[in-house]
N, C-alpha and C. Protein backbone atom coordinates (compact mmCIF):
# COMPACT_ATOMS: atom_id res chain seq x y z
N MET A 1 69.19 58.30 43.16
CA MET A 1 69.38 57.56 41.92
C MET A 1 68.39 56.37 41.87
N GLN A 2 67.75 56.28 40.76
CA GLN A 2 66.76 55.23 40.47
C GLN A 2 67.44 53.89 40.26
N PRO A 3 66.97 52.82 40.97
CA PRO A 3 67.59 51.53 40.76
C PRO A 3 67.27 51.04 39.33
N ALA A 4 68.07 50.14 38.81
CA ALA A 4 67.86 49.56 37.52
C ALA A 4 66.53 48.87 37.43
N GLN A 5 65.86 49.01 36.37
CA GLN A 5 64.52 48.42 36.14
C GLN A 5 64.64 47.37 35.04
N ILE A 6 63.92 46.27 35.21
CA ILE A 6 63.98 45.21 34.29
C ILE A 6 62.53 44.70 33.88
N ASP A 7 62.44 44.04 32.79
CA ASP A 7 61.24 43.39 32.34
C ASP A 7 60.98 42.20 33.28
N PRO A 8 59.86 42.16 34.01
CA PRO A 8 59.71 41.10 34.95
C PRO A 8 59.53 39.69 34.33
N ARG A 9 59.29 39.69 33.04
CA ARG A 9 59.14 38.35 32.39
C ARG A 9 60.54 37.67 32.18
N GLY A 10 61.55 38.49 32.12
CA GLY A 10 62.96 37.90 32.00
C GLY A 10 63.35 36.99 33.07
N PRO A 11 63.20 37.39 34.39
CA PRO A 11 63.56 36.43 35.47
C PRO A 11 62.69 35.19 35.48
N ARG A 12 61.43 35.33 35.01
CA ARG A 12 60.59 34.15 35.01
C ARG A 12 61.01 33.18 33.92
N PHE A 13 61.42 33.71 32.79
CA PHE A 13 62.00 32.87 31.71
C PHE A 13 63.29 32.19 32.23
N ALA A 14 64.12 32.96 32.92
CA ALA A 14 65.34 32.39 33.47
C ALA A 14 65.01 31.27 34.49
N ALA A 15 63.97 31.47 35.29
CA ALA A 15 63.59 30.46 36.24
C ALA A 15 63.15 29.19 35.53
N LEU A 16 62.50 29.35 34.35
CA LEU A 16 62.08 28.15 33.56
C LEU A 16 63.33 27.39 33.16
N LEU A 17 64.29 28.06 32.58
CA LEU A 17 65.55 27.42 32.18
C LEU A 17 66.26 26.79 33.38
N THR A 18 66.34 27.50 34.48
CA THR A 18 66.95 26.97 35.68
C THR A 18 66.26 25.75 36.16
N THR A 19 64.95 25.73 36.14
CA THR A 19 64.15 24.54 36.51
C THR A 19 64.57 23.34 35.66
N LEU A 20 64.67 23.53 34.38
CA LEU A 20 65.04 22.45 33.50
C LEU A 20 66.43 21.95 33.79
N VAL A 21 67.37 22.85 33.91
CA VAL A 21 68.76 22.42 34.21
C VAL A 21 68.87 21.78 35.55
N LEU A 22 68.27 22.29 36.57
CA LEU A 22 68.32 21.71 37.90
C LEU A 22 67.67 20.34 37.94
N ALA A 23 66.49 20.22 37.26
CA ALA A 23 65.84 18.94 37.23
C ALA A 23 66.70 17.89 36.55
N ALA A 24 67.34 18.27 35.41
CA ALA A 24 68.24 17.34 34.77
C ALA A 24 69.38 16.97 35.65
N ALA A 25 69.99 17.98 36.37
CA ALA A 25 71.05 17.68 37.25
C ALA A 25 70.66 16.78 38.36
N LEU A 26 69.44 16.98 38.90
CA LEU A 26 68.97 16.15 39.93
C LEU A 26 68.65 14.69 39.49
N ILE A 27 68.06 14.53 38.33
CA ILE A 27 67.76 13.26 37.79
C ILE A 27 68.96 12.46 37.46
N THR A 28 69.97 13.15 36.85
CA THR A 28 71.18 12.44 36.37
C THR A 28 72.29 12.38 37.39
N GLY A 29 72.24 13.26 38.38
CA GLY A 29 73.30 13.37 39.31
C GLY A 29 74.56 14.05 38.72
N SER A 30 74.33 14.80 37.70
CA SER A 30 75.39 15.39 36.96
C SER A 30 76.00 16.58 37.66
N ARG A 31 77.21 16.46 38.08
CA ARG A 31 77.97 17.54 38.69
C ARG A 31 78.31 18.65 37.67
N PRO A 32 78.64 18.32 36.40
CA PRO A 32 78.84 19.42 35.41
C PRO A 32 77.63 20.28 35.23
N LEU A 33 76.43 19.69 35.14
CA LEU A 33 75.20 20.49 34.96
C LEU A 33 75.05 21.44 36.14
N LEU A 34 75.27 20.90 37.39
CA LEU A 34 75.21 21.72 38.57
C LEU A 34 76.22 22.87 38.54
N ALA A 35 77.38 22.55 38.04
CA ALA A 35 78.43 23.54 37.95
C ALA A 35 78.07 24.59 36.92
N VAL A 36 77.46 24.21 35.82
CA VAL A 36 77.04 25.18 34.79
C VAL A 36 75.98 26.09 35.39
N GLN A 37 75.04 25.55 36.09
CA GLN A 37 73.97 26.37 36.74
C GLN A 37 74.54 27.30 37.74
N ALA A 38 75.53 26.85 38.54
CA ALA A 38 76.20 27.72 39.48
C ALA A 38 76.85 28.88 38.77
N ALA A 39 77.47 28.59 37.63
CA ALA A 39 78.14 29.68 36.86
C ALA A 39 77.14 30.69 36.33
N VAL A 40 75.96 30.18 35.91
CA VAL A 40 74.88 31.06 35.44
C VAL A 40 74.41 31.96 36.57
N PHE A 41 74.22 31.32 37.77
CA PHE A 41 73.81 32.15 38.90
C PHE A 41 74.87 33.12 39.23
N ALA A 42 76.15 32.78 39.20
CA ALA A 42 77.25 33.68 39.53
C ALA A 42 77.27 34.88 38.55
N ALA A 43 77.05 34.64 37.29
CA ALA A 43 76.98 35.75 36.35
C ALA A 43 75.88 36.70 36.70
N GLY A 44 74.75 36.21 37.00
CA GLY A 44 73.59 37.05 37.36
C GLY A 44 73.74 37.74 38.63
N ALA A 45 74.29 37.05 39.64
CA ALA A 45 74.48 37.67 40.93
C ALA A 45 75.55 38.73 40.96
N LEU A 46 76.68 38.42 40.34
CA LEU A 46 77.80 39.32 40.33
C LEU A 46 77.79 40.38 39.27
N GLY A 47 77.30 40.03 38.07
CA GLY A 47 77.22 40.98 36.99
C GLY A 47 75.95 41.69 36.75
N GLY A 48 74.87 41.19 37.38
CA GLY A 48 73.61 41.77 37.23
C GLY A 48 72.88 41.25 36.00
N HIS A 49 71.65 41.79 35.77
CA HIS A 49 70.79 41.27 34.69
C HIS A 49 71.47 41.45 33.29
N ARG A 50 72.31 42.44 33.16
CA ARG A 50 72.95 42.71 31.89
C ARG A 50 73.82 41.54 31.46
N TYR A 51 74.39 40.81 32.41
CA TYR A 51 75.40 39.76 32.10
C TYR A 51 74.82 38.37 32.40
N ALA A 52 73.61 38.25 32.84
CA ALA A 52 73.03 36.95 33.21
C ALA A 52 72.76 36.20 31.87
N PRO A 53 73.34 35.01 31.76
CA PRO A 53 73.19 34.29 30.44
C PRO A 53 71.74 34.03 30.03
N TYR A 54 70.87 33.67 30.99
CA TYR A 54 69.50 33.43 30.62
C TYR A 54 68.78 34.74 30.29
N GLY A 55 69.19 35.81 30.93
CA GLY A 55 68.66 37.08 30.59
C GLY A 55 69.06 37.56 29.18
N LEU A 56 70.31 37.20 28.76
CA LEU A 56 70.74 37.50 27.45
C LEU A 56 69.90 36.75 26.44
N LEU A 57 69.67 35.49 26.67
CA LEU A 57 68.79 34.73 25.83
C LEU A 57 67.38 35.29 25.71
N TYR A 58 66.84 35.65 26.88
CA TYR A 58 65.50 36.27 26.87
C TYR A 58 65.45 37.52 26.03
N ARG A 59 66.42 38.41 26.20
CA ARG A 59 66.41 39.69 25.48
C ARG A 59 66.66 39.45 23.99
N ALA A 60 67.46 38.44 23.64
CA ALA A 60 67.76 38.24 22.21
C ALA A 60 66.69 37.44 21.50
N LEU A 61 66.08 36.42 22.19
CA LEU A 61 65.21 35.57 21.47
C LEU A 61 63.75 35.65 21.78
N VAL A 62 63.44 36.07 23.06
CA VAL A 62 62.02 36.02 23.44
C VAL A 62 61.40 37.44 23.46
N ARG A 63 62.04 38.36 24.14
CA ARG A 63 61.44 39.75 24.23
C ARG A 63 61.11 40.36 22.90
N PRO A 64 61.94 40.20 21.87
CA PRO A 64 61.53 40.81 20.57
C PRO A 64 60.19 40.29 19.97
N ARG A 65 59.77 39.12 20.44
CA ARG A 65 58.53 38.53 19.95
C ARG A 65 57.33 38.90 20.83
N LEU A 66 57.51 39.62 21.88
CA LEU A 66 56.52 40.02 22.87
C LEU A 66 56.30 41.51 22.75
N GLY A 67 55.15 41.95 23.25
CA GLY A 67 54.94 43.34 23.34
C GLY A 67 55.63 43.86 24.51
N PRO A 68 55.65 45.19 24.72
CA PRO A 68 56.38 45.73 25.89
C PRO A 68 55.73 45.26 27.22
N PRO A 69 56.49 45.18 28.29
CA PRO A 69 55.95 44.77 29.57
C PRO A 69 54.95 45.84 30.05
N ALA A 70 54.01 45.37 30.81
CA ALA A 70 52.98 46.29 31.38
C ALA A 70 53.75 47.23 32.36
N GLU A 71 54.68 46.70 33.07
CA GLU A 71 55.50 47.55 33.98
C GLU A 71 56.85 46.92 34.15
N LEU A 72 57.76 47.69 34.66
CA LEU A 72 59.09 47.25 34.98
C LEU A 72 59.25 47.00 36.43
N GLU A 73 60.24 46.24 36.86
CA GLU A 73 60.44 45.96 38.28
C GLU A 73 61.88 46.29 38.65
N ASP A 74 62.10 46.53 39.89
CA ASP A 74 63.45 46.73 40.45
C ASP A 74 64.31 45.51 40.23
N ALA A 75 65.50 45.74 39.71
CA ALA A 75 66.40 44.59 39.37
C ALA A 75 67.09 43.99 40.63
N ARG A 76 67.09 44.72 41.75
CA ARG A 76 67.83 44.26 42.95
C ARG A 76 67.27 42.96 43.49
N PRO A 77 65.95 42.78 43.77
CA PRO A 77 65.50 41.50 44.31
C PRO A 77 65.82 40.27 43.41
N PRO A 78 65.63 40.34 42.10
CA PRO A 78 66.03 39.15 41.29
C PRO A 78 67.57 38.93 41.32
N ARG A 79 68.28 39.97 41.38
CA ARG A 79 69.81 39.81 41.47
C ARG A 79 70.17 39.12 42.75
N PHE A 80 69.52 39.55 43.87
CA PHE A 80 69.72 38.88 45.20
C PHE A 80 69.34 37.42 45.07
N ALA A 81 68.24 37.13 44.47
CA ALA A 81 67.73 35.74 44.28
C ALA A 81 68.79 34.92 43.55
N GLN A 82 69.44 35.56 42.53
CA GLN A 82 70.53 34.82 41.86
C GLN A 82 71.65 34.42 42.84
N GLY A 83 71.97 35.37 43.74
CA GLY A 83 72.94 35.00 44.76
C GLY A 83 72.55 33.94 45.70
N VAL A 84 71.31 33.87 46.07
CA VAL A 84 70.77 32.73 46.85
C VAL A 84 70.89 31.41 46.07
N GLY A 85 70.46 31.48 44.77
CA GLY A 85 70.64 30.30 43.98
C GLY A 85 72.05 29.85 43.91
N LEU A 86 72.95 30.82 43.72
CA LEU A 86 74.43 30.52 43.66
C LEU A 86 74.85 29.82 44.95
N ALA A 87 74.40 30.28 46.06
CA ALA A 87 74.85 29.68 47.38
C ALA A 87 74.35 28.26 47.44
N PHE A 88 73.10 27.99 47.08
CA PHE A 88 72.56 26.64 47.18
C PHE A 88 73.30 25.71 46.19
N THR A 89 73.52 26.15 44.99
CA THR A 89 74.14 25.31 44.00
C THR A 89 75.61 25.01 44.28
N LEU A 90 76.31 26.09 44.80
CA LEU A 90 77.69 25.86 45.24
C LEU A 90 77.78 24.93 46.38
N LEU A 91 76.88 25.06 47.36
CA LEU A 91 76.96 24.14 48.48
C LEU A 91 76.54 22.70 48.07
N ALA A 92 75.55 22.58 47.08
CA ALA A 92 75.24 21.27 46.52
C ALA A 92 76.43 20.67 45.76
N LEU A 93 77.18 21.45 45.04
CA LEU A 93 78.33 20.98 44.31
C LEU A 93 79.40 20.59 45.24
N LEU A 94 79.66 21.32 46.27
CA LEU A 94 80.68 20.98 47.29
C LEU A 94 80.30 19.69 48.01
N ALA A 95 79.03 19.59 48.38
CA ALA A 95 78.53 18.36 49.00
C ALA A 95 78.72 17.12 48.09
N ALA A 96 78.43 17.30 46.80
CA ALA A 96 78.61 16.17 45.89
C ALA A 96 80.06 15.80 45.78
N LEU A 97 80.89 16.78 45.72
CA LEU A 97 82.38 16.50 45.59
C LEU A 97 82.93 15.93 46.87
N ALA A 98 82.29 16.17 47.96
CA ALA A 98 82.75 15.57 49.23
C ALA A 98 82.11 14.21 49.54
N GLY A 99 81.37 13.73 48.55
CA GLY A 99 80.68 12.46 48.79
C GLY A 99 79.50 12.47 49.63
N LEU A 100 78.91 13.62 49.82
CA LEU A 100 77.69 13.75 50.62
C LEU A 100 76.49 13.83 49.69
N GLY A 101 76.22 12.75 48.99
CA GLY A 101 75.18 12.69 47.98
C GLY A 101 73.80 13.14 48.51
N PRO A 102 73.31 12.63 49.68
CA PRO A 102 72.03 13.07 50.06
C PRO A 102 71.92 14.56 50.34
N LEU A 103 72.94 15.18 50.89
CA LEU A 103 72.95 16.60 51.13
C LEU A 103 72.96 17.36 49.80
N ALA A 104 73.77 16.89 48.88
CA ALA A 104 73.78 17.45 47.50
C ALA A 104 72.44 17.39 46.87
N THR A 105 71.79 16.25 46.98
CA THR A 105 70.46 16.05 46.41
C THR A 105 69.48 17.01 47.07
N ALA A 106 69.46 17.12 48.37
CA ALA A 106 68.57 18.05 49.11
C ALA A 106 68.76 19.49 48.71
N LEU A 107 70.00 19.91 48.62
CA LEU A 107 70.26 21.32 48.27
C LEU A 107 69.85 21.64 46.85
N THR A 108 70.11 20.70 45.94
CA THR A 108 69.69 20.82 44.54
C THR A 108 68.19 20.89 44.44
N ALA A 109 67.51 20.00 45.19
CA ALA A 109 66.04 19.97 45.23
C ALA A 109 65.43 21.29 45.76
N LEU A 110 66.07 21.86 46.77
CA LEU A 110 65.56 23.16 47.26
C LEU A 110 65.72 24.24 46.20
N ALA A 111 66.86 24.28 45.58
CA ALA A 111 67.08 25.27 44.47
C ALA A 111 66.05 25.02 43.34
N LEU A 112 65.85 23.82 43.03
CA LEU A 112 64.87 23.43 41.99
C LEU A 112 63.47 23.88 42.40
N ALA A 113 63.09 23.67 43.64
CA ALA A 113 61.76 24.05 44.11
C ALA A 113 61.60 25.56 44.00
N ALA A 114 62.59 26.29 44.38
CA ALA A 114 62.49 27.74 44.27
C ALA A 114 62.36 28.26 42.82
N ALA A 115 63.14 27.62 41.95
CA ALA A 115 63.05 27.99 40.54
C ALA A 115 61.73 27.67 39.93
N PHE A 116 61.24 26.50 40.36
CA PHE A 116 59.90 26.05 39.84
C PHE A 116 58.79 26.97 40.28
N LEU A 117 58.82 27.43 41.54
CA LEU A 117 57.82 28.35 42.07
C LEU A 117 57.83 29.63 41.20
N ASN A 118 58.99 30.12 40.87
CA ASN A 118 59.11 31.30 40.07
C ASN A 118 58.62 31.09 38.63
N ALA A 119 59.04 29.98 38.06
CA ALA A 119 58.64 29.69 36.69
C ALA A 119 57.21 29.44 36.49
N ALA A 120 56.60 28.62 37.42
CA ALA A 120 55.23 28.19 37.28
C ALA A 120 54.20 29.20 37.86
N PHE A 121 54.57 29.83 38.98
CA PHE A 121 53.63 30.69 39.70
C PHE A 121 54.00 32.21 39.88
N ASP A 122 55.18 32.54 39.29
CA ASP A 122 55.68 33.93 39.37
C ASP A 122 55.93 34.28 40.79
N TYR A 123 56.33 33.36 41.61
CA TYR A 123 56.63 33.60 43.01
C TYR A 123 58.12 33.40 43.32
N CYS A 124 58.84 34.50 43.47
CA CYS A 124 60.31 34.42 43.63
C CYS A 124 60.64 34.43 45.11
N LEU A 125 61.08 33.28 45.63
CA LEU A 125 61.40 33.12 47.06
C LEU A 125 62.57 34.02 47.43
N GLY A 126 63.65 34.05 46.62
CA GLY A 126 64.81 34.91 46.79
C GLY A 126 64.43 36.39 46.90
N CYS A 127 63.55 36.77 46.01
CA CYS A 127 63.05 38.18 45.95
C CYS A 127 62.30 38.51 47.19
N GLU A 128 61.49 37.61 47.66
CA GLU A 128 60.67 37.81 48.88
C GLU A 128 61.64 37.91 50.06
N PHE A 129 62.67 37.11 50.15
CA PHE A 129 63.65 37.14 51.14
C PHE A 129 64.38 38.47 51.13
N TYR A 130 64.74 38.99 49.96
CA TYR A 130 65.41 40.27 49.79
C TYR A 130 64.50 41.34 50.40
N LEU A 131 63.21 41.33 50.12
CA LEU A 131 62.33 42.41 50.60
C LEU A 131 62.17 42.28 52.11
N LEU A 132 62.14 41.11 52.69
CA LEU A 132 62.10 40.93 54.12
C LEU A 132 63.35 41.53 54.81
N LEU A 133 64.50 41.19 54.25
CA LEU A 133 65.76 41.77 54.75
C LEU A 133 65.80 43.24 54.67
N HIS A 134 65.28 43.79 53.51
CA HIS A 134 65.30 45.21 53.28
C HIS A 134 64.44 45.93 54.35
N ARG A 135 63.19 45.34 54.59
CA ARG A 135 62.32 45.98 55.55
C ARG A 135 62.96 45.90 56.97
N ALA A 136 63.51 44.76 57.30
CA ALA A 136 64.09 44.53 58.61
C ALA A 136 65.27 45.54 58.87
N ARG A 137 66.06 45.70 57.86
CA ARG A 137 67.19 46.63 57.97
C ARG A 137 66.67 48.06 58.15
N ALA A 138 65.63 48.41 57.42
CA ALA A 138 65.03 49.75 57.60
C ALA A 138 64.48 50.00 58.97
N ARG A 139 64.06 49.02 59.72
CA ARG A 139 63.50 49.18 61.05
C ARG A 139 64.50 49.09 62.15
N THR A 140 65.73 48.73 61.84
CA THR A 140 66.71 48.73 62.93
C THR A 140 67.36 50.09 63.07
N PRO A 141 67.81 50.33 64.35
CA PRO A 141 68.45 51.66 64.62
C PRO A 141 69.65 51.88 63.63
N GLY A 142 69.67 53.00 63.01
CA GLY A 142 70.78 53.30 62.08
C GLY A 142 70.60 52.58 60.73
N GLY A 143 69.40 51.95 60.56
CA GLY A 143 69.18 51.23 59.27
C GLY A 143 68.61 52.05 58.18
N GLY A 144 68.47 53.29 58.42
CA GLY A 144 68.03 54.21 57.37
C GLY A 144 66.61 54.63 57.49
N ARG A 145 65.89 54.16 58.48
CA ARG A 145 64.49 54.62 58.67
C ARG A 145 64.45 55.87 59.44
N ALA A 146 63.71 56.81 58.92
CA ALA A 146 63.64 58.14 59.58
C ALA A 146 62.67 58.18 60.66
């Protein structure tokens, strides 16, 4: 069965919006903004690209104004990256709620850095991590490598 394929410009658009939200959360120290971004990551990680809020915006508002993508990409690495973003933002939110401001700031900054790399340079750290894990699993005994 062929994995779901997506327009690679969608995750980059999502990374731009994520960068803006996380930058605002970092500058203002807003826990609600951090919670909103965590919810966005959760929708993308758990529901896939079809339910990711920023992906919905991309498909409704941006993609109709663009030509077709030159190629499609596997949806699994970006979905995994959403899960990584969710982990960082949830941990940052928990740290903020526990009064661990410097830790919350550091975790938010790391998530922001990853989103910025994707938005500005089309380099998805979470996607690269997914591919490394996938390759490592394929090389382990019983990991599926023939």
